[in-house]
Amino acid sequence: MHYPRRVSKIKRIRKFGFRARMKTKLGRKMINRKRRAGRRLTAV
């Protein structure tokens, strides 16, 4: 039986993780925006 959306953790982290965000200009912008909004960021 196939389960939907079973993405490996490594692939997920590489795509959406903290380091992946910090690589791009827009990602850094997004993180700073969330920080300003007062979010605790989980650094994956």
N, C-alpha and C. Protein backbone atom coordinates (compact mmCIF):
# COMPACT_ATOMS: atom_id res chain seq x y z
N MET A 1 0.84 -1.19 0.00
CA MET A 1 0.00 0.00 0.00
C MET A 1 0.88 1.25 0.00
N HIS A 2 0.50 2.23 -0.79
CA HIS A 2 1.31 3.45 -0.89
C HIS A 2 0.72 4.56 -0.02
N TYR A 3 1.56 5.16 0.78
CA TYR A 3 1.10 6.25 1.62
C TYR A 3 1.43 7.57 0.93
N PRO A 4 0.50 8.50 0.95
CA PRO A 4 0.74 9.77 0.28
C PRO A 4 1.76 10.64 1.00
N ARG A 5 2.48 11.40 0.23
CA ARG A 5 3.43 12.38 0.74
C ARG A 5 4.42 11.83 1.75
N ARG A 6 5.03 10.70 1.43
CA ARG A 6 6.04 10.15 2.32
C ARG A 6 7.40 10.58 1.81
N VAL A 7 7.78 11.82 2.10
CA VAL A 7 9.05 12.35 1.62
C VAL A 7 10.11 12.05 2.68
N SER A 8 11.29 11.70 2.24
CA SER A 8 12.34 11.40 3.20
C SER A 8 12.70 12.66 3.97
N LYS A 9 13.07 12.48 5.23
CA LYS A 9 13.37 13.63 6.10
C LYS A 9 14.53 14.44 5.55
N ILE A 10 15.53 13.77 5.01
CA ILE A 10 16.69 14.48 4.48
C ILE A 10 16.29 15.38 3.32
N LYS A 11 15.48 14.83 2.40
CA LYS A 11 15.04 15.63 1.25
C LYS A 11 14.25 16.84 1.72
N ARG A 12 13.40 16.62 2.72
CA ARG A 12 12.56 17.69 3.24
C ARG A 12 13.41 18.80 3.84
N ILE A 13 14.38 18.40 4.65
CA ILE A 13 15.24 19.38 5.31
C ILE A 13 16.07 20.16 4.29
N ARG A 14 16.58 19.44 3.27
CA ARG A 14 17.40 20.11 2.27
C ARG A 14 16.58 21.13 1.48
N LYS A 15 15.30 20.87 1.35
CA LYS A 15 14.47 21.76 0.57
C LYS A 15 13.91 22.91 1.40
N PHE A 16 13.45 22.61 2.62
CA PHE A 16 12.74 23.61 3.41
C PHE A 16 13.44 23.99 4.69
N GLY A 17 14.60 23.39 4.93
CA GLY A 17 15.28 23.63 6.21
C GLY A 17 15.85 25.03 6.34
N PHE A 18 16.34 25.30 7.52
CA PHE A 18 16.89 26.61 7.85
C PHE A 18 18.06 26.95 6.92
N ARG A 19 18.96 25.98 6.71
CA ARG A 19 20.14 26.25 5.87
C ARG A 19 19.72 26.52 4.43
N ALA A 20 18.71 25.81 3.96
CA ALA A 20 18.23 26.02 2.60
C ALA A 20 17.67 27.44 2.46
N ARG A 21 16.99 27.91 3.50
CA ARG A 21 16.44 29.26 3.46
C ARG A 21 17.55 30.31 3.46
N MET A 22 18.59 30.06 4.26
CA MET A 22 19.66 31.03 4.38
C MET A 22 20.49 31.16 3.10
N LYS A 23 20.39 30.18 2.22
CA LYS A 23 21.17 30.22 0.98
C LYS A 23 20.67 31.30 0.04
N THR A 24 19.38 31.54 0.03
CA THR A 24 18.83 32.48 -0.94
C THR A 24 18.48 33.80 -0.29
N LYS A 25 18.49 34.83 -1.10
CA LYS A 25 18.19 36.17 -0.62
C LYS A 25 16.75 36.23 -0.09
N LEU A 26 15.85 35.65 -0.86
CA LEU A 26 14.43 35.67 -0.46
C LEU A 26 14.20 34.85 0.81
N GLY A 27 14.94 33.75 0.93
CA GLY A 27 14.81 32.92 2.12
C GLY A 27 15.24 33.67 3.37
N ARG A 28 16.34 34.40 3.26
CA ARG A 28 16.80 35.19 4.40
C ARG A 28 15.79 36.27 4.75
N LYS A 29 15.21 36.85 3.71
CA LYS A 29 14.19 37.88 3.91
C LYS A 29 13.00 37.31 4.68
N MET A 30 12.61 36.11 4.28
CA MET A 30 11.46 35.46 4.91
C MET A 30 11.73 35.17 6.38
N ILE A 31 12.95 34.69 6.65
CA ILE A 31 13.30 34.37 8.03
C ILE A 31 13.31 35.62 8.89
N ASN A 32 13.87 36.70 8.36
CA ASN A 32 13.88 37.94 9.11
C ASN A 32 12.48 38.47 9.35
N ARG A 33 11.62 38.30 8.35
CA ARG A 33 10.23 38.74 8.48
C ARG A 33 9.54 37.97 9.61
N LYS A 34 9.78 36.67 9.64
CA LYS A 34 9.16 35.84 10.68
C LYS A 34 9.74 36.18 12.05
N ARG A 35 11.05 36.48 12.07
CA ARG A 35 11.67 36.87 13.34
C ARG A 35 11.05 38.15 13.88
N ARG A 36 10.83 39.11 12.95
CA ARG A 36 10.23 40.37 13.36
C ARG A 36 8.82 40.18 13.88
N ALA A 37 8.14 39.19 13.29
CA ALA A 37 6.77 38.89 13.74
C ALA A 37 6.79 38.21 15.09
N GLY A 38 7.99 37.92 15.59
CA GLY A 38 8.12 37.33 16.92
C GLY A 38 8.03 35.83 16.94
N ARG A 39 8.37 35.19 15.84
CA ARG A 39 8.31 33.72 15.80
C ARG A 39 9.62 33.16 16.32
N ARG A 40 9.50 32.07 17.06
CA ARG A 40 10.68 31.32 17.43
C ARG A 40 11.01 30.45 16.22
N LEU A 41 12.22 30.56 15.70
CA LEU A 41 12.55 29.78 14.51
C LEU A 41 13.18 28.46 14.92
N THR A 42 12.70 27.40 14.33
CA THR A 42 13.34 26.12 14.58
C THR A 42 14.39 25.93 13.52
N ALA A 43 15.64 25.88 13.92
CA ALA A 43 16.72 25.69 12.97
C ALA A 43 16.87 24.21 12.73
N VAL A 44 16.40 23.74 11.59
CA VAL A 44 16.44 22.30 11.29
C VAL A 44 17.82 21.94 10.78
